[in-house]
Amino acid sequence: MGELTDKAKGVANEVAGKAKQQSDNPETRAEGHAQERKGEAQNLKGEVEGKMGNKV
């Protein structure tokens, strides 16, 4: 179950991050970039958990 949760959170963070990157505010764009990277990491964690059977 952790796999799906991490993947879902990852996708949500990626989408939110991409939306923030469209802002005219440089700080918001930077936050969006960081949030997108966080989402990518969560996706990767979910994939690893899926392959290792949640032993991570």
PDB file of N, CA and C in Angstrom:
ATOM      1  N   MET A   1       0.819  -1.194   0.000  1.00  0.00           N
ATOM      2  CA  MET A   1       0.000   0.000   0.000  1.00  0.00           C
ATOM      3  C   MET A   1       0.865   1.260   0.000  1.00  0.00           C
ATOM      4  N   GLY A   2       2.025   1.218   0.591  1.00  0.00           N
ATOM      5  CA  GLY A   2       2.913   2.371   0.601  1.00  0.00           C
ATOM      6  C   GLY A   2       3.340   2.770  -0.791  1.00  0.00           C
ATOM      7  N   GLU A   3       3.459   1.787  -1.663  1.00  0.00           N
ATOM      8  CA  GLU A   3       3.860   2.048  -3.043  1.00  0.00           C
ATOM      9  C   GLU A   3       2.867   2.988  -3.722  1.00  0.00           C
ATOM     10  N   LEU A   4       1.600   2.644  -3.652  1.00  0.00           N
ATOM     11  CA  LEU A   4       0.585   3.462  -4.322  1.00  0.00           C
ATOM     12  C   LEU A   4       0.458   4.839  -3.687  1.00  0.00           C
ATOM     13  N   THR A   5       0.577   4.899  -2.376  1.00  0.00           N
ATOM     14  CA  THR A   5       0.498   6.182  -1.676  1.00  0.00           C
ATOM     15  C   THR A   5       1.632   7.098  -2.104  1.00  0.00           C
ATOM     16  N   ASP A   6       2.852   6.560  -2.133  1.00  0.00           N
ATOM     17  CA  ASP A   6       4.001   7.376  -2.539  1.00  0.00           C
ATOM     18  C   ASP A   6       3.887   7.832  -3.985  1.00  0.00           C
ATOM     19  N   LYS A   7       3.433   6.931  -4.845  1.00  0.00           N
ATOM     20  CA  LYS A   7       3.278   7.313  -6.251  1.00  0.00           C
ATOM     21  C   LYS A   7       2.216   8.394  -6.409  1.00  0.00           C
ATOM     22  N   ALA A   8       1.108   8.270  -5.698  1.00  0.00           N
ATOM     23  CA  ALA A   8       0.042   9.274  -5.787  1.00  0.00           C
ATOM     24  C   ALA A   8       0.520  10.627  -5.262  1.00  0.00           C
ATOM     25  N   LYS A   9       1.206  10.620  -4.137  1.00  0.00           N
ATOM     26  CA  LYS A   9       1.753  11.870  -3.597  1.00  0.00           C
ATOM     27  C   LYS A   9       2.774  12.464  -4.557  1.00  0.00           C
ATOM     28  N   GLY A  10       3.561  11.593  -5.156  1.00  0.00           N
ATOM     29  CA  GLY A  10       4.574  12.055  -6.102  1.00  0.00           C
ATOM     30  C   GLY A  10       3.958  12.742  -7.300  1.00  0.00           C
ATOM     31  N   VAL A  11       2.933  12.151  -7.866  1.00  0.00           N
ATOM     32  CA  VAL A  11       2.263  12.752  -9.022  1.00  0.00           C
ATOM     33  C   VAL A  11       1.638  14.089  -8.625  1.00  0.00           C
ATOM     34  N   ALA A  12       1.013  14.129  -7.466  1.00  0.00           N
ATOM     35  CA  ALA A  12       0.389  15.378  -7.007  1.00  0.00           C
ATOM     36  C   ALA A  12       1.431  16.480  -6.836  1.00  0.00           C
ATOM     37  N   ASN A  13       2.573  16.144  -6.252  1.00  0.00           N
ATOM     38  CA  ASN A  13       3.623  17.144  -6.074  1.00  0.00           C
ATOM     39  C   ASN A  13       4.215  17.583  -7.410  1.00  0.00           C
ATOM     40  N   GLU A  14       4.366  16.663  -8.339  1.00  0.00           N
ATOM     41  CA  GLU A  14       4.880  17.037  -9.654  1.00  0.00           C
ATOM     42  C   GLU A  14       3.935  18.006 -10.354  1.00  0.00           C
ATOM     43  N   VAL A  15       2.642  17.716 -10.317  1.00  0.00           N
ATOM     44  CA  VAL A  15       1.652  18.574 -10.974  1.00  0.00           C
ATOM     45  C   VAL A  15       1.633  19.953 -10.315  1.00  0.00           C
ATOM     46  N   ALA A  16       1.616  19.985  -8.993  1.00  0.00           N
ATOM     47  CA  ALA A  16       1.602  21.268  -8.282  1.00  0.00           C
ATOM     48  C   ALA A  16       2.877  22.054  -8.568  1.00  0.00           C
ATOM     49  N   GLY A  17       3.993  21.356  -8.600  1.00  0.00           N
ATOM     50  CA  GLY A  17       5.266  22.018  -8.884  1.00  0.00           C
ATOM     51  C   GLY A  17       5.304  22.613 -10.277  1.00  0.00           C
ATOM     52  N   LYS A  18       4.801  21.878 -11.256  1.00  0.00           N
ATOM     53  CA  LYS A  18       4.768  22.387 -12.628  1.00  0.00           C
ATOM     54  C   LYS A  18       3.868  23.606 -12.733  1.00  0.00           C
ATOM     55  N   ALA A  19       2.758  23.599 -12.002  1.00  0.00           N
ATOM     56  CA  ALA A  19       1.850  24.751 -12.012  1.00  0.00           C
ATOM     57  C   ALA A  19       2.534  25.976 -11.408  1.00  0.00           C
ATOM     58  N   LYS A  20       3.242  25.781 -10.309  1.00  0.00           N
ATOM     59  CA  LYS A  20       3.926  26.908  -9.659  1.00  0.00           C
ATOM     60  C   LYS A  20       5.023  27.479 -10.549  1.00  0.00           C
ATOM     61  N   GLN A  21       5.620  26.653 -11.382  1.00  0.00           N
ATOM     62  CA  GLN A  21       6.698  27.130 -12.243  1.00  0.00           C
ATOM     63  C   GLN A  21       6.205  28.083 -13.326  1.00  0.00           C
ATOM     64  N   GLN A  22       4.899  28.149 -13.531  1.00  0.00           N
ATOM     65  CA  GLN A  22       4.317  29.059 -14.521  1.00  0.00           C
ATOM     66  C   GLN A  22       4.121  30.466 -13.957  1.00  0.00           C
ATOM     67  N   SER A  23       4.419  30.647 -12.681  1.00  0.00           N
ATOM     68  CA  SER A  23       4.214  31.927 -12.014  1.00  0.00           C
ATOM     69  C   SER A  23       5.213  32.975 -12.506  1.00  0.00           C
ATOM     70  N   ASP A  24       4.845  34.239 -12.349  1.00  0.00           N
ATOM     71  CA  ASP A  24       5.759  35.342 -12.663  1.00  0.00           C
ATOM     72  C   ASP A  24       6.708  35.623 -11.506  1.00  0.00           C
ATOM     73  N   ASN A  25       6.373  35.116 -10.325  1.00  0.00           N
ATOM     74  CA  ASN A  25       7.180  35.338  -9.126  1.00  0.00           C
ATOM     75  C   ASN A  25       8.347  34.349  -9.102  1.00  0.00           C
ATOM     76  N   PRO A  26       9.602  34.834  -9.061  1.00  0.00           N
ATOM     77  CA  PRO A  26      10.758  33.939  -9.066  1.00  0.00           C
ATOM     78  C   PRO A  26      10.798  32.988  -7.860  1.00  0.00           C
ATOM     79  N   GLU A  27      10.338  33.454  -6.699  1.00  0.00           N
ATOM     80  CA  GLU A  27      10.329  32.588  -5.516  1.00  0.00           C
ATOM     81  C   GLU A  27       9.340  31.439  -5.701  1.00  0.00           C
ATOM     82  N   THR A  28       8.193  31.742  -6.252  1.00  0.00           N
ATOM     83  CA  THR A  28       7.184  30.710  -6.492  1.00  0.00           C
ATOM     84  C   THR A  28       7.691  29.714  -7.529  1.00  0.00           C
ATOM     85  N   ARG A  29       8.380  30.206  -8.556  1.00  0.00           N
ATOM     86  CA  ARG A  29       8.946  29.300  -9.567  1.00  0.00           C
ATOM     87  C   ARG A  29       9.975  28.368  -8.937  1.00  0.00           C
ATOM     88  N   ALA A  30      10.794  28.899  -8.039  1.00  0.00           N
ATOM     89  CA  ALA A  30      11.798  28.078  -7.364  1.00  0.00           C
ATOM     90  C   ALA A  30      11.127  27.029  -6.473  1.00  0.00           C
ATOM     91  N   GLU A  31      10.076  27.434  -5.770  1.00  0.00           N
ATOM     92  CA  GLU A  31       9.316  26.476  -4.952  1.00  0.00           C
ATOM     93  C   GLU A  31       8.726  25.376  -5.836  1.00  0.00           C
ATOM     94  N   GLY A  32       8.229  25.766  -6.982  1.00  0.00           N
ATOM     95  CA  GLY A  32       7.649  24.799  -7.908  1.00  0.00           C
ATOM     96  C   GLY A  32       8.671  23.798  -8.406  1.00  0.00           C
ATOM     97  N   HIS A  33       9.863  24.282  -8.699  1.00  0.00           N
ATOM     98  CA  HIS A  33      10.937  23.390  -9.146  1.00  0.00           C
ATOM     99  C   HIS A  33      11.278  22.382  -8.049  1.00  0.00           C
ATOM    100  N   ALA A  34      11.405  22.870  -6.834  1.00  0.00           N
ATOM    101  CA  ALA A  34      11.714  21.986  -5.703  1.00  0.00           C
ATOM    102  C   ALA A  34      10.584  20.986  -5.461  1.00  0.00           C
ATOM    103  N   GLN A  35       9.348  21.437  -5.575  1.00  0.00           N
ATOM    104  CA  GLN A  35       8.207  20.558  -5.339  1.00  0.00           C
ATOM    105  C   GLN A  35       8.121  19.485  -6.429  1.00  0.00           C
ATOM    106  N   GLU A  36       8.450  19.848  -7.657  1.00  0.00           N
ATOM    107  CA  GLU A  36       8.446  18.859  -8.736  1.00  0.00           C
ATOM    108  C   GLU A  36       9.513  17.788  -8.483  1.00  0.00           C
ATOM    109  N   ARG A  37      10.686  18.199  -8.033  1.00  0.00           N
ATOM    110  CA  ARG A  37      11.756  17.239  -7.718  1.00  0.00           C
ATOM    111  C   ARG A  37      11.336  16.325  -6.565  1.00  0.00           C
ATOM    112  N   LYS A  38      10.660  16.891  -5.569  1.00  0.00           N
ATOM    113  CA  LYS A  38      10.162  16.085  -4.449  1.00  0.00           C
ATOM    114  C   LYS A  38       9.193  15.024  -4.967  1.00  0.00           C
ATOM    115  N   GLY A  39       8.335  15.413  -5.878  1.00  0.00           N
ATOM    116  CA  GLY A  39       7.394  14.469  -6.458  1.00  0.00           C
ATOM    117  C   GLY A  39       8.090  13.348  -7.213  1.00  0.00           C
ATOM    118  N   GLU A  40       9.129  13.704  -7.938  1.00  0.00           N
ATOM    119  CA  GLU A  40       9.897  12.686  -8.659  1.00  0.00           C
ATOM    120  C   GLU A  40      10.536  11.702  -7.687  1.00  0.00           C
ATOM    121  N   ALA A  41      11.047  12.221  -6.582  1.00  0.00           N
ATOM    122  CA  ALA A  41      11.658  11.349  -5.570  1.00  0.00           C
ATOM    123  C   ALA A  41      10.616  10.432  -4.933  1.00  0.00           C
ATOM    124  N   GLN A  42       9.430  10.959  -4.663  1.00  0.00           N
ATOM    125  CA  GLN A  42       8.364  10.135  -4.081  1.00  0.00           C
ATOM    126  C   GLN A  42       7.948   9.038  -5.048  1.00  0.00           C
ATOM    127  N   ASN A  43       7.870   9.363  -6.329  1.00  0.00           N
ATOM    128  CA  ASN A  43       7.551   8.357  -7.338  1.00  0.00           C
ATOM    129  C   ASN A  43       8.590   7.252  -7.344  1.00  0.00           C
ATOM    130  N   LEU A  44       9.844   7.640  -7.305  1.00  0.00           N
ATOM    131  CA  LEU A  44      10.931   6.668  -7.299  1.00  0.00           C
ATOM    132  C   LEU A  44      10.861   5.785  -6.061  1.00  0.00           C
ATOM    133  N   LYS A  45      10.590   6.390  -4.910  1.00  0.00           N
ATOM    134  CA  LYS A  45      10.453   5.616  -3.677  1.00  0.00           C
ATOM    135  C   LYS A  45       9.330   4.597  -3.807  1.00  0.00           C
ATOM    136  N   GLY A  46       8.208   5.005  -4.385  1.00  0.00           N
ATOM    137  CA  GLY A  46       7.090   4.093  -4.583  1.00  0.00           C
ATOM    138  C   GLY A  46       7.454   2.937  -5.495  1.00  0.00           C
ATOM    139  N   GLU A  47       8.211   3.222  -6.540  1.00  0.00           N
ATOM    140  CA  GLU A  47       8.637   2.164  -7.459  1.00  0.00           C
ATOM    141  C   GLU A  47       9.567   1.174  -6.757  1.00  0.00           C
ATOM    142  N   VAL A  48      10.493   1.697  -5.971  1.00  0.00           N
ATOM    143  CA  VAL A  48      11.427   0.831  -5.245  1.00  0.00           C
ATOM    144  C   VAL A  48      10.682  -0.029  -4.236  1.00  0.00           C
ATOM    145  N   GLU A  49       9.753   0.579  -3.503  1.00  0.00           N
ATOM    146  CA  GLU A  49       8.964  -0.179  -2.544  1.00  0.00           C
ATOM    147  C   GLU A  49       8.185  -1.289  -3.237  1.00  0.00           C
ATOM    148  N   GLY A  50       7.662  -0.980  -4.410  1.00  0.00           N
ATOM    149  CA  GLY A  50       6.906  -1.989  -5.147  1.00  0.00           C
ATOM    150  C   GLY A  50       7.775  -3.169  -5.554  1.00  0.00           C
ATOM    151  N   LYS A  51       8.994  -2.886  -5.932  1.00  0.00           N
ATOM    152  CA  LYS A  51       9.896  -3.954  -6.371  1.00  0.00           C
ATOM    153  C   LYS A  51      10.488  -4.730  -5.199  1.00  0.00           C
ATOM    154  N   MET A  52      10.575  -4.080  -4.052  1.00  0.00           N
ATOM    155  CA  MET A  52      11.192  -4.730  -2.894  1.00  0.00           C
ATOM    156  C   MET A  52      10.145  -5.218  -1.893  1.00  0.00           C
ATOM    157  N   GLY A  53       8.897  -5.061  -2.188  1.00  0.00           N
ATOM    158  CA  GLY A  53       7.859  -5.538  -1.293  1.00  0.00           C
ATOM    159  C   GLY A  53       7.720  -4.734  -0.016  1.00  0.00           C
ATOM    160  N   ASN A  54       7.830  -3.426  -0.087  1.00  0.00           N
ATOM    161  CA  ASN A  54       7.665  -2.521   1.080  1.00  0.00           C
ATOM    162  C   ASN A  54       8.687  -2.757   2.170  1.00  0.00           C
ATOM    163  N   LYS A  55       9.857  -3.273   1.850  1.00  0.00           N
ATOM    164  CA  LYS A  55      10.896  -3.491   2.863  1.00  0.00           C
ATOM    165  C   LYS A  55      11.839  -2.305   3.003  1.00  0.00           C
ATOM    166  N   VAL A  56      11.550  -1.234   2.293  1.00  0.00           N
ATOM    167  CA  VAL A  56      12.392  -0.049   2.329  1.00  0.00           C
ATOM    168  C   VAL A  56      12.024   0.814   3.515  1.00  0.00           C
TER     169      VAL A  56
END
